[in-house]
Amino acid sequence: MLSLNIRWVGEGRMMGGMHASTSGAVADEVLASIASPGRVLTVTVRRALDGRLAYAVQRHCQTLIAPSRLGIVLRDAAPLDAGLSLARQAAGEHRGTVAKPGGARRSVRYAYRQLRLDLLQPAQAGRRLAIVFRVFDDGLGFRYEFAGQAVGIAAELSEFVVAPPADAWWQPAAPLGACPPSVRKSRLADVDLASLPLTVRTGDGIRIAFDEVAPAGHPAMCLRKIVGQKLRVQLAGAACGEFAGHAGAFTTPWRTLHIVDGGARSYFPEIMRQLGDGDGGAPEELSASQATGADSTMPR
């Protein structure tokens, strides 16, 4: 049973490290930028002139994830990756505790900042897509959200372009039911198709572990090297001719990056697993905040 103790701190278009730009479209328009509570990590979302979105991640002003693509390919419909315009945005900070199973500590405190971008695709009858980021000091997660739309996901276009040269510890993706291959160590640029988690280490000791927090019924995620150190999500079901079909509101799994310096202790994976539990409905901490009369402009 998940135990949550939630405190709503604040929200707005600008709040201690959160800023969302509404300037006119240019070749590389900044839609939003949000920093973690301790200003360790910063995520910036940009939009190109054709409406394609990309995000980037910095740690203490060092670029770890260079601009990386965002988007979804739909079955029997135009992709949700271009011609996107911003309809609404909301940002807020969340603090609380989650139960910690086992060990001397019975609970773990967390703090993160959340950014939600509600997007429209005017050329496709105003189709809607939301992208939500949760940014902690030691990691981040993002996912796509659909409200009241029957869609079939054929592929996901999310990318992770690792900026500094890095080594990787990874397992080649194997067919379901097959014995998993042994873990390999190589240059990140030499990775082919990797199962999760995939861990990289940069030359200055920063470790990034790529993983997911997946609701039941969604195809598992692998990472395919495209070129250099650019990785792209590949849904396991898509390789077998299967798709993630949904009717009504639903979310994709959280795509998570656990980012630490050396062997620093971090509970980020456990916190994300607990906060990401459920069937993809509204985040539990937002529901709890709304129940106590918190700001009603936050997404449900």
Protein backbone atom coordinates (compact mmCIF):
# COMPACT_ATOMS: atom_id res chain seq x y z
CA MET A 1 0.00 0.00 0.00
CA LEU A 2 1.40 3.35 -1.01
CA SER A 3 1.58 5.85 1.83
CA LEU A 4 1.66 9.52 0.82
CA ASN A 5 1.99 12.66 2.87
CA ILE A 6 1.59 15.54 0.44
CA ARG A 7 2.27 19.24 0.81
CA TRP A 8 1.42 21.56 -2.07
CA VAL A 9 4.03 24.32 -2.25
CA GLY A 10 3.03 26.46 -5.17
CA GLU A 11 2.33 26.81 -8.84
CA GLY A 12 2.44 29.37 -11.55
CA ARG A 13 4.00 30.49 -14.75
CA MET A 14 7.15 31.53 -12.90
CA MET A 15 8.32 30.24 -9.54
CA GLY A 16 11.89 29.76 -8.33
CA GLY A 17 13.43 28.12 -11.35
CA MET A 18 10.28 27.71 -13.41
CA HIS A 19 9.67 29.86 -16.44
CA ALA A 20 7.56 29.40 -19.51
CA SER A 21 8.06 31.58 -22.55
CA THR A 22 5.18 32.73 -24.69
CA SER A 23 7.23 34.63 -27.26
CA GLY A 24 6.39 34.40 -30.97
CA ALA A 25 7.51 31.33 -32.89
CA VAL A 26 11.08 31.38 -34.12
CA ALA A 27 13.33 28.67 -35.47
CA ASP A 28 14.13 27.50 -31.93
CA GLU A 29 11.49 28.85 -29.55
CA VAL A 30 11.82 28.06 -25.86
CA LEU A 31 8.42 26.85 -24.67
CA ALA A 32 9.39 26.23 -21.06
CA SER A 33 12.31 25.69 -18.73
CA ILE A 34 12.04 24.15 -15.27
CA ALA A 35 14.72 23.54 -12.62
CA SER A 36 14.72 20.93 -9.86
CA PRO A 37 14.04 22.13 -6.28
CA GLY A 38 17.77 22.45 -5.53
CA ARG A 39 18.54 23.84 -9.00
CA VAL A 40 20.74 20.84 -9.77
CA LEU A 41 18.93 19.75 -12.95
CA THR A 42 17.25 21.95 -15.54
CA VAL A 43 14.97 20.75 -18.33
CA THR A 44 14.30 23.01 -21.31
CA VAL A 45 11.63 22.30 -23.93
CA ARG A 46 11.99 23.94 -27.36
CA ARG A 47 9.83 24.08 -30.46
CA ALA A 48 11.13 24.30 -34.01
CA LEU A 49 9.46 26.37 -36.69
CA ASP A 50 7.58 23.30 -37.98
CA GLY A 51 6.15 22.62 -34.52
CA ARG A 52 8.43 19.73 -33.61
CA LEU A 53 9.42 19.54 -29.94
CA ALA A 54 12.71 18.71 -28.28
CA TYR A 55 13.93 18.76 -24.70
CA ALA A 56 17.41 19.11 -23.18
CA VAL A 57 18.82 18.45 -19.71
CA GLN A 58 21.57 20.31 -17.89
CA ARG A 59 23.21 19.48 -14.57
CA HIS A 60 24.87 22.44 -12.87
CA CYS A 61 24.90 24.21 -16.26
CA GLN A 62 26.60 21.23 -17.98
CA THR A 63 24.58 19.77 -20.85
CA LEU A 64 24.02 16.05 -20.26
CA ILE A 65 21.16 15.47 -22.71
CA ALA A 66 21.45 17.56 -25.88
CA PRO A 67 18.22 18.57 -27.66
CA SER A 68 16.29 15.33 -28.06
CA ARG A 69 13.12 14.67 -30.00
CA LEU A 70 9.67 14.17 -28.51
CA GLY A 71 6.62 12.70 -30.21
CA ILE A 72 4.29 9.77 -30.84
CA VAL A 73 3.52 7.82 -34.04
CA LEU A 74 -0.12 6.78 -34.18
CA ARG A 75 -1.62 3.82 -35.97
CA ASP A 76 -3.91 4.87 -38.84
CA ALA A 77 -3.40 8.59 -38.15
CA ALA A 78 -0.84 11.33 -38.70
CA PRO A 79 1.99 11.36 -36.13
CA LEU A 80 1.82 13.59 -33.07
CA ASP A 81 5.26 15.06 -33.58
CA ALA A 82 4.93 18.21 -35.74
CA GLY A 83 2.61 21.16 -36.15
CA LEU A 84 2.16 21.35 -32.37
CA SER A 85 1.18 24.57 -30.63
CA LEU A 86 1.05 25.33 -26.92
CA ALA A 87 -2.47 25.65 -25.53
CA ARG A 88 -1.73 25.77 -21.81
CA GLN A 89 1.03 25.21 -19.31
CA ALA A 90 1.19 24.65 -15.56
CA ALA A 91 4.10 24.23 -13.17
CA GLY A 92 4.33 23.48 -9.48
CA GLU A 93 6.48 22.09 -6.69
CA HIS A 94 5.58 19.01 -4.70
CA ARG A 95 7.04 17.70 -1.43
CA GLY A 96 6.06 14.71 0.63
CA THR A 97 7.06 11.23 1.77
CA VAL A 98 6.64 7.73 0.41
CA ALA A 99 6.79 4.50 2.36
CA LYS A 100 10.12 2.69 2.05
CA PRO A 101 9.73 -1.10 2.13
CA GLY A 102 12.43 -2.77 4.21
CA GLY A 103 15.52 -1.24 5.79
CA ALA A 104 15.90 0.94 8.86
CA ARG A 105 14.20 3.95 7.25
CA ARG A 106 10.43 3.55 7.03
CA SER A 107 9.84 6.51 4.76
CA VAL A 108 11.71 8.64 2.25
CA ARG A 109 11.17 12.33 1.66
CA TYR A 110 10.96 13.67 -1.87
CA ALA A 111 10.77 17.00 -3.63
CA TYR A 112 10.23 17.63 -7.30
CA ARG A 113 8.95 20.25 -9.69
CA GLN A 114 6.40 19.35 -12.31
CA LEU A 115 5.81 20.94 -15.68
CA ARG A 116 2.79 20.12 -17.82
CA LEU A 117 2.49 21.28 -21.43
CA ASP A 118 -0.93 20.94 -23.08
CA LEU A 119 -0.47 20.90 -26.83
CA LEU A 120 -2.73 21.17 -29.86
CA GLN A 121 -2.24 19.93 -33.42
CA PRO A 122 -4.49 22.38 -35.35
CA ALA A 123 -3.91 20.78 -38.76
CA GLN A 124 -5.29 17.47 -37.42
CA ALA A 125 -8.70 18.64 -36.20
CA GLY A 126 -7.17 20.07 -33.04
CA ARG A 127 -5.92 16.80 -31.62
CA ARG A 128 -4.53 17.15 -28.11
CA LEU A 129 -1.43 15.83 -26.42
CA ALA A 130 0.06 16.64 -23.02
CA ILE A 131 3.67 16.11 -21.98
CA VAL A 132 4.46 16.06 -18.26
CA PHE A 133 7.94 16.38 -16.72
CA ARG A 134 8.85 15.69 -13.10
CA VAL A 135 12.29 17.03 -12.20
CA PHE A 136 14.08 15.97 -9.01
CA ASP A 137 17.63 16.93 -7.97
CA ASP A 138 18.79 13.41 -8.83
CA GLY A 139 16.68 12.49 -11.82
CA LEU A 140 13.67 13.21 -13.96
CA GLY A 141 10.80 11.52 -15.68
CA PHE A 142 8.49 12.46 -18.53
CA ARG A 143 5.44 10.92 -20.13
CA TYR A 144 2.70 11.62 -22.67
CA GLU A 145 -0.94 11.99 -21.67
CA PHE A 146 -4.09 11.63 -23.78
CA ALA A 147 -7.53 12.75 -22.64
CA GLY A 148 -10.67 11.20 -24.10
CA GLN A 149 -9.09 10.10 -27.36
CA ALA A 150 -9.16 6.59 -28.80
CA VAL A 151 -5.65 6.10 -30.15
CA GLY A 152 -3.35 3.29 -31.14
CA ILE A 153 0.35 3.93 -30.58
CA ALA A 154 2.52 2.42 -33.30
CA ALA A 155 5.84 3.89 -32.11
CA GLU A 156 7.33 6.42 -29.77
CA LEU A 157 9.82 9.00 -31.02
CA SER A 158 11.34 10.00 -27.68
CA GLU A 159 15.12 10.33 -27.88
CA PHE A 160 18.02 10.66 -25.48
CA VAL A 161 21.04 12.37 -27.02
CA VAL A 162 23.84 11.98 -24.47
CA ALA A 163 26.11 15.00 -24.91
CA PRO A 164 29.44 14.10 -23.22
CA PRO A 165 31.36 10.99 -24.36
CA ALA A 166 30.27 8.07 -22.20
CA ASP A 167 30.73 4.38 -21.52
CA ALA A 168 27.68 2.12 -21.21
CA TRP A 169 26.69 -0.96 -19.23
CA TRP A 170 23.87 -2.68 -21.08
CA GLN A 171 22.15 -5.91 -22.02
CA PRO A 172 21.17 -6.60 -25.63
CA ALA A 173 17.39 -6.81 -25.98
CA ALA A 174 16.20 -10.42 -26.11
CA PRO A 175 12.89 -12.00 -27.24
CA LEU A 176 10.28 -12.42 -24.52
CA GLY A 177 10.95 -15.60 -22.55
CA ALA A 178 14.55 -15.95 -23.75
CA CYS A 179 17.43 -16.03 -21.29
CA PRO A 180 18.75 -12.48 -20.88
CA PRO A 181 22.23 -11.94 -22.33
CA SER A 182 25.07 -11.00 -20.02
CA VAL A 183 25.76 -7.35 -19.27
CA ARG A 184 28.20 -5.73 -21.65
CA LYS A 185 30.45 -2.73 -21.20
CA SER A 186 31.25 -0.65 -24.26
CA ARG A 187 31.34 2.87 -25.55
CA LEU A 188 27.83 4.25 -25.66
CA ALA A 189 28.29 4.81 -29.37
CA ASP A 190 28.70 1.03 -29.79
CA VAL A 191 25.34 0.11 -28.23
CA ASP A 192 22.83 -1.46 -30.63
CA LEU A 193 19.43 -2.36 -29.16
CA ALA A 194 19.48 -2.40 -25.36
CA SER A 195 16.98 -3.56 -22.78
CA LEU A 196 16.40 -1.55 -19.62
CA PRO A 197 17.93 -0.34 -17.48
CA LEU A 198 20.83 1.07 -19.48
CA THR A 199 23.50 2.90 -17.47
CA VAL A 200 26.11 5.28 -18.82
CA ARG A 201 29.04 7.02 -17.15
CA THR A 202 30.60 10.18 -18.49
CA GLY A 203 34.29 11.02 -18.31
CA ASP A 204 33.80 13.15 -15.19
CA GLY A 205 31.93 10.43 -13.31
CA ILE A 206 28.29 11.41 -13.87
CA ARG A 207 26.09 8.33 -14.08
CA ILE A 208 22.79 8.28 -15.96
CA ALA A 209 20.49 5.27 -15.72
CA PHE A 210 17.71 5.12 -18.33
CA ASP A 211 14.60 3.20 -17.30
CA GLU A 212 10.80 3.32 -17.29
CA VAL A 213 7.89 3.08 -14.87
CA ALA A 214 5.32 1.25 -16.95
CA PRO A 215 1.61 0.71 -16.28
CA ALA A 216 0.20 -2.72 -17.05
CA GLY A 217 -0.71 -3.39 -20.64
CA HIS A 218 1.79 -1.08 -22.30
CA PRO A 219 4.57 -2.54 -24.48
CA ALA A 220 7.97 -2.70 -22.82
CA MET A 221 10.59 -0.18 -23.87
CA CYS A 222 14.02 -0.77 -25.34
CA LEU A 223 16.57 1.78 -26.50
CA ARG A 224 17.99 1.68 -30.02
CA LYS A 225 21.14 3.55 -30.99
CA ILE A 226 20.37 5.77 -34.00
CA VAL A 227 23.74 7.42 -34.58
CA GLY A 228 26.61 8.41 -32.33
CA GLN A 229 25.20 8.72 -28.80
CA LYS A 230 21.59 9.26 -29.86
CA LEU A 231 19.20 6.68 -28.41
CA ARG A 232 15.54 6.33 -29.38
CA VAL A 233 12.70 4.51 -27.65
CA GLN A 234 11.61 1.31 -29.35
CA LEU A 235 8.46 -0.33 -28.07
CA ALA A 236 8.89 -4.08 -27.79
CA GLY A 237 5.38 -4.78 -29.06
CA ALA A 238 5.93 -2.70 -32.20
CA ALA A 239 8.66 -5.11 -33.30
CA CYS A 240 6.09 -7.92 -33.15
CA GLY A 241 3.33 -6.09 -34.97
CA GLU A 242 1.52 -5.25 -31.72
CA PHE A 243 0.41 -1.79 -30.66
CA ALA A 244 -0.71 0.00 -27.53
CA GLY A 245 -4.38 0.66 -28.23
CA HIS A 246 -6.45 2.72 -25.79
CA ALA A 247 -9.86 4.34 -25.65
CA GLY A 248 -10.35 7.25 -23.29
CA ALA A 249 -7.85 8.97 -21.04
CA PHE A 250 -4.52 7.23 -20.53
CA THR A 251 -0.82 7.93 -20.16
CA THR A 252 2.32 6.34 -21.50
CA PRO A 253 4.92 5.00 -19.05
CA TRP A 254 7.30 7.40 -17.36
CA ARG A 255 10.62 7.58 -19.21
CA THR A 256 13.12 8.10 -16.39
CA LEU A 257 16.71 9.30 -16.12
CA HIS A 258 18.43 8.69 -12.79
CA ILE A 259 21.36 11.13 -12.64
CA VAL A 260 23.96 11.06 -9.86
CA ASP A 261 27.60 11.98 -9.34
CA GLY A 262 29.65 8.85 -8.63
CA GLY A 263 28.26 6.64 -5.88
CA ALA A 264 25.99 9.21 -4.24
CA ARG A 265 23.02 7.66 -2.40
CA SER A 266 19.71 8.27 -4.10
CA TYR A 267 16.16 6.97 -3.69
CA PHE A 268 14.95 8.40 -6.99
CA PRO A 269 14.06 5.05 -8.66
CA GLU A 270 12.00 3.92 -5.66
CA ILE A 271 10.21 7.27 -5.40
CA MET A 272 9.36 7.30 -9.11
CA ARG A 273 8.02 3.76 -8.93
CA GLN A 274 5.72 4.64 -6.05
CA LEU A 275 4.55 7.98 -7.43
CA GLY A 276 4.09 6.42 -10.85
CA ASP A 277 1.97 3.50 -9.65
CA GLY A 278 -1.55 3.12 -10.93
CA ASP A 279 -3.34 2.94 -14.25
CA GLY A 280 -2.14 6.26 -15.66
CA GLY A 281 -4.77 8.51 -14.06
CA ALA A 282 -4.11 11.85 -12.42
CA PRO A 283 -0.92 11.94 -10.30
CA GLU A 284 -1.83 10.97 -6.77
CA GLU A 285 -0.25 14.00 -5.17
CA LEU A 286 -2.32 16.36 -7.35
CA SER A 287 -5.52 14.57 -6.40
CA ALA A 288 -4.60 14.85 -2.72
CA SER A 289 -3.83 18.54 -3.09
CA GLN A 290 -7.11 19.22 -4.88
CA ALA A 291 -8.97 17.40 -2.13
CA THR A 292 -7.58 19.90 0.40
CA GLY A 293 -8.54 22.89 -1.71
CA ALA A 294 -5.28 23.47 -3.56
CA ASP A 295 -5.21 25.44 -6.80
CA SER A 296 -7.90 24.18 -9.15
CA THR A 297 -6.03 25.28 -12.30
CA MET A 298 -3.66 22.32 -12.06
CA PRO A 299 -4.50 19.50 -14.50
CA ARG A 300 -6.74 16.71 -13.32
